[in-house]
Amino acid sequence: EEADTPAFKDYAHQIVANAQTLAAQLTEEGFRIVTGGTDNHLILADGTPLGVTGKPLARAMARAGLVGNYNNIPFDPRPPMDPSGVRLGSAAVTSRGFGDDEMRQIGAWIGRVAGALEDEAALDVIAGEVRGLCERFPAPGIPS
């Protein structure tokens, strides 16, 4: 029943729109989106055009307060434990109320993280900015 409500349909469409906005921003940041874009909630971004691989990028993202997991890309020449890509989703941030502006910001942060993999000070700055955004958009059902 819930999936048949107008509110849920709007939410589902926003999830896809948010993923598309994030994919476009990541492309602007220099990542290669494996499928050229997305038509669902997932994005598989190849970091090798920026000289980064998935595992160190995912770890640095986590340090900066951003969630993604390292992931092989099709025909990945790299091993599964150190693949070329990161996989990202848009459902959780959409539940917080994020829209186009916030998705572009997330993509910009990921781009900054890619350029600062081992720069703890830069990752701390990004983490603070991420916290600030999340404070403006509390997670539903989780007390602040």
N, C-alpha and C. Protein backbone atom coordinates (compact mmCIF):
# COMPACT_ATOMS: atom_id res chain seq x y z
N GLU A 1 0.82 -1.19 0.00
CA GLU A 1 0.00 0.00 0.00
C GLU A 1 0.87 1.26 0.00
N GLU A 2 1.93 1.24 0.81
CA GLU A 2 2.77 2.43 0.90
C GLU A 2 3.35 2.81 -0.47
N ALA A 3 3.81 1.82 -1.22
CA ALA A 3 4.42 2.09 -2.52
C ALA A 3 3.43 2.66 -3.52
N ASP A 4 2.16 2.53 -3.25
CA ASP A 4 1.14 3.02 -4.17
C ASP A 4 0.67 4.43 -3.82
N THR A 5 1.26 5.04 -2.82
CA THR A 5 0.84 6.39 -2.43
C THR A 5 1.57 7.44 -3.26
N PRO A 6 0.96 8.58 -3.49
CA PRO A 6 1.63 9.66 -4.22
C PRO A 6 2.94 10.11 -3.53
N ALA A 7 2.94 10.14 -2.21
CA ALA A 7 4.15 10.57 -1.48
C ALA A 7 5.31 9.61 -1.74
N PHE A 8 5.03 8.32 -1.74
CA PHE A 8 6.09 7.35 -1.98
C PHE A 8 6.58 7.44 -3.42
N LYS A 9 5.67 7.64 -4.34
CA LYS A 9 6.06 7.78 -5.75
C LYS A 9 6.94 9.02 -5.93
N ASP A 10 6.60 10.11 -5.27
CA ASP A 10 7.43 11.32 -5.33
C ASP A 10 8.81 11.05 -4.75
N TYR A 11 8.85 10.36 -3.63
CA TYR A 11 10.12 10.00 -2.99
C TYR A 11 10.98 9.15 -3.92
N ALA A 12 10.38 8.15 -4.54
CA ALA A 12 11.13 7.27 -5.45
C ALA A 12 11.67 8.05 -6.65
N HIS A 13 10.90 8.96 -7.18
CA HIS A 13 11.38 9.79 -8.30
C HIS A 13 12.51 10.70 -7.84
N GLN A 14 12.43 11.21 -6.61
CA GLN A 14 13.49 12.08 -6.10
C GLN A 14 14.78 11.30 -5.88
N ILE A 15 14.68 10.06 -5.45
CA ILE A 15 15.86 9.21 -5.30
C ILE A 15 16.62 9.13 -6.62
N VAL A 16 15.91 8.87 -7.71
CA VAL A 16 16.54 8.76 -9.02
C VAL A 16 17.09 10.11 -9.47
N ALA A 17 16.32 11.17 -9.29
CA ALA A 17 16.80 12.50 -9.67
C ALA A 17 18.07 12.86 -8.90
N ASN A 18 18.11 12.53 -7.61
CA ASN A 18 19.29 12.82 -6.81
C ASN A 18 20.50 12.03 -7.30
N ALA A 19 20.30 10.77 -7.63
CA ALA A 19 21.40 9.96 -8.16
C ALA A 19 21.91 10.54 -9.48
N GLN A 20 21.00 10.99 -10.32
CA GLN A 20 21.41 11.58 -11.59
C GLN A 20 22.19 12.87 -11.39
N THR A 21 21.77 13.69 -10.45
CA THR A 21 22.50 14.92 -10.15
C THR A 21 23.88 14.62 -9.61
N LEU A 22 23.98 13.65 -8.70
CA LEU A 22 25.27 13.26 -8.15
C LEU A 22 26.18 12.72 -9.25
N ALA A 23 25.65 11.89 -10.12
CA ALA A 23 26.46 11.34 -11.21
C ALA A 23 26.99 12.45 -12.11
N ALA A 24 26.15 13.42 -12.41
CA ALA A 24 26.58 14.54 -13.26
C ALA A 24 27.68 15.35 -12.57
N GLN A 25 27.54 15.59 -11.27
CA GLN A 25 28.57 16.34 -10.54
C GLN A 25 29.87 15.55 -10.48
N LEU A 26 29.79 14.26 -10.25
CA LEU A 26 31.00 13.45 -10.22
C LEU A 26 31.72 13.48 -11.57
N THR A 27 30.95 13.50 -12.64
CA THR A 27 31.55 13.62 -13.97
C THR A 27 32.30 14.94 -14.08
N GLU A 28 31.69 16.01 -13.60
CA GLU A 28 32.35 17.32 -13.61
C GLU A 28 33.62 17.31 -12.77
N GLU A 29 33.64 16.50 -11.72
CA GLU A 29 34.81 16.41 -10.85
C GLU A 29 35.93 15.57 -11.47
N GLY A 30 35.65 14.89 -12.58
CA GLY A 30 36.67 14.10 -13.27
C GLY A 30 36.51 12.60 -13.17
N PHE A 31 35.49 12.14 -12.45
CA PHE A 31 35.24 10.70 -12.37
C PHE A 31 34.59 10.23 -13.67
N ARG A 32 34.74 8.95 -13.96
CA ARG A 32 34.02 8.35 -15.07
C ARG A 32 32.89 7.54 -14.47
N ILE A 33 31.66 7.85 -14.85
CA ILE A 33 30.51 7.07 -14.40
C ILE A 33 30.40 5.89 -15.34
N VAL A 34 30.50 4.69 -14.77
CA VAL A 34 30.66 3.48 -15.56
C VAL A 34 29.57 3.32 -16.61
N THR A 35 28.34 3.62 -16.28
CA THR A 35 27.24 3.44 -17.23
C THR A 35 26.90 4.72 -17.97
N GLY A 36 27.71 5.75 -17.78
CA GLY A 36 27.44 7.03 -18.42
C GLY A 36 26.38 7.85 -17.71
N GLY A 37 25.88 7.36 -16.61
CA GLY A 37 24.81 8.02 -15.85
C GLY A 37 24.09 6.95 -15.05
N THR A 38 22.88 7.25 -14.62
CA THR A 38 22.11 6.26 -13.89
C THR A 38 20.63 6.48 -14.13
N ASP A 39 19.86 5.41 -14.04
CA ASP A 39 18.41 5.52 -14.10
C ASP A 39 17.78 4.85 -12.88
N ASN A 40 18.61 4.69 -11.82
CA ASN A 40 18.10 4.17 -10.56
C ASN A 40 18.82 4.87 -9.41
N HIS A 41 18.92 4.24 -8.27
CA HIS A 41 19.48 4.87 -7.07
C HIS A 41 20.98 4.67 -6.91
N LEU A 42 21.61 3.96 -7.82
CA LEU A 42 23.02 3.61 -7.67
C LEU A 42 23.90 4.28 -8.71
N ILE A 43 25.15 4.54 -8.30
CA ILE A 43 26.16 5.11 -9.18
C ILE A 43 27.43 4.30 -8.97
N LEU A 44 28.08 3.93 -10.05
CA LEU A 44 29.38 3.27 -9.98
C LEU A 44 30.37 4.21 -10.66
N ALA A 45 31.23 4.82 -9.84
CA ALA A 45 32.17 5.83 -10.33
C ALA A 45 33.58 5.27 -10.36
N ASP A 46 34.24 5.44 -11.49
CA ASP A 46 35.63 5.02 -11.68
C ASP A 46 36.53 6.18 -11.31
N GLY A 47 37.42 5.98 -10.34
CA GLY A 47 38.32 7.04 -9.91
C GLY A 47 39.63 7.09 -10.66
N THR A 48 39.91 6.10 -11.50
CA THR A 48 41.22 6.06 -12.14
C THR A 48 41.53 7.25 -13.04
N PRO A 49 40.54 7.92 -13.66
CA PRO A 49 40.90 9.12 -14.42
C PRO A 49 41.53 10.21 -13.54
N LEU A 50 41.25 10.15 -12.23
CA LEU A 50 41.81 11.11 -11.28
C LEU A 50 43.07 10.57 -10.60
N GLY A 51 43.46 9.35 -10.97
CA GLY A 51 44.63 8.74 -10.35
C GLY A 51 44.36 8.14 -9.00
N VAL A 52 43.09 7.86 -8.69
CA VAL A 52 42.73 7.23 -7.42
C VAL A 52 41.99 5.93 -7.69
N THR A 53 42.09 5.03 -6.73
CA THR A 53 41.35 3.77 -6.84
C THR A 53 40.32 3.70 -5.73
N GLY A 54 39.43 2.72 -5.84
CA GLY A 54 38.27 2.66 -4.98
C GLY A 54 38.52 2.50 -3.50
N LYS A 55 39.45 1.63 -3.13
CA LYS A 55 39.64 1.36 -1.71
C LYS A 55 40.16 2.58 -0.95
N PRO A 56 41.25 3.21 -1.40
CA PRO A 56 41.68 4.40 -0.65
C PRO A 56 40.67 5.54 -0.72
N LEU A 57 39.95 5.64 -1.83
CA LEU A 57 38.93 6.68 -1.93
C LEU A 57 37.81 6.42 -0.94
N ALA A 58 37.30 5.20 -0.88
CA ALA A 58 36.21 4.87 0.05
C ALA A 58 36.65 5.09 1.50
N ARG A 59 37.90 4.75 1.81
CA ARG A 59 38.39 4.96 3.18
C ARG A 59 38.50 6.45 3.51
N ALA A 60 39.01 7.24 2.57
CA ALA A 60 39.12 8.68 2.80
C ALA A 60 37.73 9.32 2.87
N MET A 61 36.80 8.84 2.05
CA MET A 61 35.43 9.35 2.12
C MET A 61 34.86 9.09 3.51
N ALA A 62 35.05 7.89 4.04
CA ALA A 62 34.53 7.56 5.36
C ALA A 62 35.14 8.49 6.41
N ARG A 63 36.42 8.79 6.28
CA ARG A 63 37.10 9.70 7.20
C ARG A 63 36.45 11.08 7.13
N ALA A 64 35.98 11.45 5.94
CA ALA A 64 35.36 12.76 5.73
C ALA A 64 33.85 12.75 5.99
N GLY A 65 33.31 11.62 6.42
CA GLY A 65 31.88 11.56 6.74
C GLY A 65 30.98 11.22 5.56
N LEU A 66 31.57 10.70 4.49
CA LEU A 66 30.81 10.34 3.30
C LEU A 66 30.83 8.83 3.15
N VAL A 67 29.71 8.25 2.72
CA VAL A 67 29.60 6.80 2.65
C VAL A 67 29.59 6.32 1.21
N GLY A 68 30.45 5.38 0.94
CA GLY A 68 30.50 4.69 -0.36
C GLY A 68 31.30 3.43 -0.13
N ASN A 69 31.20 2.49 -1.04
CA ASN A 69 32.04 1.30 -0.87
C ASN A 69 32.86 1.08 -2.13
N TYR A 70 34.08 0.57 -1.91
CA TYR A 70 34.91 0.29 -3.07
C TYR A 70 34.31 -0.88 -3.82
N ASN A 71 34.43 -0.83 -5.14
CA ASN A 71 33.70 -1.77 -5.98
C ASN A 71 34.43 -1.95 -7.30
N ASN A 72 34.48 -3.18 -7.78
CA ASN A 72 35.01 -3.42 -9.12
C ASN A 72 34.11 -2.78 -10.15
N ILE A 73 34.71 -2.39 -11.25
CA ILE A 73 33.95 -1.90 -12.40
C ILE A 73 34.02 -2.99 -13.48
N PRO A 74 33.15 -2.98 -14.46
CA PRO A 74 33.23 -4.00 -15.51
C PRO A 74 34.62 -4.01 -16.16
N PHE A 75 35.15 -5.21 -16.32
CA PHE A 75 36.47 -5.44 -16.94
C PHE A 75 37.58 -4.75 -16.15
N ASP A 76 37.39 -4.63 -14.86
CA ASP A 76 38.36 -3.94 -14.00
C ASP A 76 39.70 -4.68 -14.03
N PRO A 77 40.77 -3.98 -14.37
CA PRO A 77 42.08 -4.62 -14.36
C PRO A 77 42.66 -4.76 -12.94
N ARG A 78 42.03 -4.10 -11.99
CA ARG A 78 42.52 -4.11 -10.62
C ARG A 78 41.90 -5.27 -9.84
N PRO A 79 42.57 -5.71 -8.76
CA PRO A 79 42.05 -6.84 -7.97
C PRO A 79 40.81 -6.44 -7.16
N PRO A 80 39.98 -7.41 -6.79
CA PRO A 80 38.76 -7.12 -6.04
C PRO A 80 38.99 -6.40 -4.72
N MET A 81 40.13 -6.61 -4.07
CA MET A 81 40.38 -5.95 -2.79
C MET A 81 40.96 -4.54 -2.96
N ASP A 82 41.23 -4.13 -4.18
CA ASP A 82 41.68 -2.77 -4.47
C ASP A 82 41.18 -2.39 -5.86
N PRO A 83 39.86 -2.31 -6.01
CA PRO A 83 39.27 -2.08 -7.32
C PRO A 83 39.37 -0.61 -7.76
N SER A 84 38.90 -0.36 -8.96
CA SER A 84 38.98 0.98 -9.55
C SER A 84 37.86 1.92 -9.12
N GLY A 85 36.74 1.36 -8.67
CA GLY A 85 35.57 2.21 -8.47
C GLY A 85 35.04 2.29 -7.06
N VAL A 86 34.07 3.20 -6.92
CA VAL A 86 33.26 3.30 -5.70
C VAL A 86 31.79 3.27 -6.11
N ARG A 87 31.01 2.64 -5.26
CA ARG A 87 29.57 2.56 -5.50
C ARG A 87 28.88 3.45 -4.49
N LEU A 88 27.95 4.26 -4.98
CA LEU A 88 27.24 5.22 -4.16
C LEU A 88 25.74 5.06 -4.38
N GLY A 89 24.97 5.37 -3.37
CA GLY A 89 23.52 5.33 -3.49
C GLY A 89 22.91 6.63 -3.01
N SER A 90 21.66 6.85 -3.40
CA SER A 90 21.01 8.13 -3.07
C SER A 90 19.79 8.01 -2.16
N ALA A 91 19.41 6.81 -1.76
CA ALA A 91 18.18 6.66 -0.98
C ALA A 91 18.27 7.30 0.40
N ALA A 92 19.35 7.05 1.12
CA ALA A 92 19.45 7.56 2.50
C ALA A 92 19.44 9.08 2.54
N VAL A 93 20.18 9.72 1.65
CA VAL A 93 20.21 11.18 1.68
C VAL A 93 18.90 11.78 1.20
N THR A 94 18.22 11.07 0.32
CA THR A 94 16.90 11.53 -0.12
C THR A 94 15.93 11.48 1.05
N SER A 95 16.05 10.46 1.90
CA SER A 95 15.20 10.36 3.08
C SER A 95 15.41 11.54 4.02
N ARG A 96 16.61 12.11 3.99
CA ARG A 96 16.91 13.28 4.83
C ARG A 96 16.36 14.56 4.22
N GLY A 97 15.96 14.51 2.97
CA GLY A 97 15.42 15.69 2.31
C GLY A 97 16.38 16.37 1.36
N PHE A 98 17.51 15.73 1.05
CA PHE A 98 18.47 16.33 0.12
C PHE A 98 17.86 16.44 -1.27
N GLY A 99 18.26 17.49 -1.97
CA GLY A 99 17.85 17.73 -3.35
C GLY A 99 19.06 18.03 -4.21
N ASP A 100 18.82 18.70 -5.34
CA ASP A 100 19.89 18.95 -6.31
C ASP A 100 21.10 19.67 -5.70
N ASP A 101 20.87 20.73 -4.95
CA ASP A 101 22.00 21.49 -4.39
C ASP A 101 22.86 20.62 -3.48
N GLU A 102 22.22 19.85 -2.64
CA GLU A 102 22.96 18.99 -1.71
C GLU A 102 23.70 17.88 -2.46
N MET A 103 23.09 17.35 -3.52
CA MET A 103 23.76 16.29 -4.28
C MET A 103 24.98 16.84 -5.01
N ARG A 104 24.87 18.05 -5.53
CA ARG A 104 26.05 18.67 -6.14
C ARG A 104 27.14 18.89 -5.10
N GLN A 105 26.76 19.27 -3.90
CA GLN A 105 27.75 19.46 -2.83
C GLN A 105 28.44 18.15 -2.49
N ILE A 106 27.67 17.09 -2.39
CA ILE A 106 28.26 15.77 -2.10
C ILE A 106 29.27 15.41 -3.19
N GLY A 107 28.90 15.60 -4.44
CA GLY A 107 29.83 15.30 -5.54
C GLY A 107 31.09 16.14 -5.46
N ALA A 108 30.94 17.41 -5.11
CA ALA A 108 32.11 18.28 -4.96
C ALA A 108 32.99 17.81 -3.81
N TRP A 109 32.37 17.40 -2.70
CA TRP A 109 33.17 16.88 -1.58
C TRP A 109 33.93 15.63 -2.00
N ILE A 110 33.28 14.73 -2.72
CA ILE A 110 33.96 13.51 -3.15
C ILE A 110 35.14 13.87 -4.05
N GLY A 111 34.96 14.86 -4.91
CA GLY A 111 36.07 15.34 -5.73
C GLY A 111 37.21 15.87 -4.88
N ARG A 112 36.88 16.64 -3.85
CA ARG A 112 37.92 17.16 -2.94
C ARG A 112 38.61 16.02 -2.20
N VAL A 113 37.85 15.04 -1.76
CA VAL A 113 38.43 13.89 -1.07
C VAL A 113 39.41 13.17 -2.00
N ALA A 114 39.05 13.02 -3.26
CA ALA A 114 39.93 12.33 -4.21
C ALA A 114 41.28 13.04 -4.33
N GLY A 115 41.30 14.33 -4.13
CA GLY A 115 42.54 15.08 -4.19
C GLY A 115 43.25 15.20 -2.86
N ALA A 116 42.69 14.60 -1.81
CA ALA A 116 43.26 14.75 -0.47
C ALA A 116 43.23 13.43 0.30
N LEU A 117 43.51 12.33 -0.38
CA LEU A 117 43.35 11.01 0.23
C LEU A 117 44.07 10.84 1.56
N GLU A 118 45.23 11.42 1.70
CA GLU A 118 46.01 11.24 2.92
C GLU A 118 46.22 12.55 3.66
N ASP A 119 45.47 13.56 3.31
CA ASP A 119 45.59 14.87 3.95
C ASP A 119 44.55 14.96 5.06
N GLU A 120 44.95 14.55 6.26
CA GLU A 120 44.01 14.49 7.39
C GLU A 120 43.36 15.84 7.68
N ALA A 121 44.12 16.92 7.56
CA ALA A 121 43.54 18.25 7.83
C ALA A 121 42.44 18.57 6.83
N ALA A 122 42.67 18.29 5.57
CA ALA A 122 41.65 18.55 4.54
C ALA A 122 40.42 17.67 4.76
N LEU A 123 40.65 16.41 5.11
CA LEU A 123 39.52 15.51 5.37
C LEU A 123 38.73 15.96 6.60
N ASP A 124 39.43 16.50 7.60
CA ASP A 124 38.74 17.03 8.78
C ASP A 124 37.84 18.21 8.41
N VAL A 125 38.33 19.08 7.53
CA VAL A 125 37.53 20.23 7.09
C VAL A 125 36.27 19.74 6.38
N ILE A 126 36.45 18.79 5.47
CA ILE A 126 35.29 18.24 4.74
C ILE A 126 34.32 17.59 5.72
N ALA A 127 34.84 16.83 6.67
CA ALA A 127 33.98 16.17 7.67
C ALA A 127 33.14 17.19 8.43
N GLY A 128 33.73 18.31 8.77
CA GLY A 128 32.98 19.36 9.46
C GLY A 128 31.88 19.93 8.58
N GLU A 129 32.17 20.11 7.31
CA GLU A 129 31.17 20.62 6.37
C GLU A 129 30.04 19.61 6.19
N VAL A 130 30.39 18.32 6.13
CA VAL A 130 29.38 17.26 6.01
C VAL A 130 28.48 17.27 7.24
N ARG A 131 29.09 17.36 8.42
CA ARG A 131 28.29 17.41 9.66
C ARG A 131 27.32 18.59 9.63
N GLY A 132 27.80 19.73 9.18
CA GLY A 132 26.95 20.91 9.11
C GLY A 132 25.74 20.70 8.21
N LEU A 133 25.96 20.08 7.06
CA LEU A 133 24.84 19.81 6.16
C LEU A 133 23.87 18.81 6.80
N CYS A 134 24.41 17.77 7.41
CA CYS A 134 23.54 16.77 8.03
C CYS A 134 22.74 17.34 9.20
N GLU A 135 23.31 18.29 9.91
CA GLU A 135 22.56 18.94 10.99
C GLU A 135 21.36 19.72 10.45
N ARG A 136 21.50 20.25 9.24
CA ARG A 136 20.38 20.97 8.62
C ARG A 136 19.30 20.03 8.11
N PHE A 137 19.65 18.76 7.89
CA PHE A 137 18.73 17.76 7.35
C PHE A 137 18.80 16.51 8.23
N PRO A 138 18.19 16.54 9.40
CA PRO A 138 18.27 15.38 10.31
C PRO A 138 17.70 14.11 9.68
N ALA A 139 18.30 12.99 10.04
CA ALA A 139 17.81 11.70 9.56
C ALA A 139 16.45 11.43 10.20
N PRO A 140 15.47 11.04 9.40
CA PRO A 140 14.14 10.78 9.97
C PRO A 140 14.17 9.61 10.94
N GLY A 141 13.51 9.81 12.06
CA GLY A 141 13.39 8.74 13.05
C GLY A 141 14.58 8.60 13.99
N ILE A 142 15.62 9.43 13.80
CA ILE A 142 16.78 9.38 14.67
C ILE A 142 16.87 10.70 15.42
N PRO A 143 16.76 10.65 16.74
CA PRO A 143 16.82 11.90 17.52
C PRO A 143 18.15 12.62 17.30
N SER A 144 18.11 13.93 17.23
CA SER A 144 19.33 14.73 17.02
C SER A 144 20.16 14.80 18.28
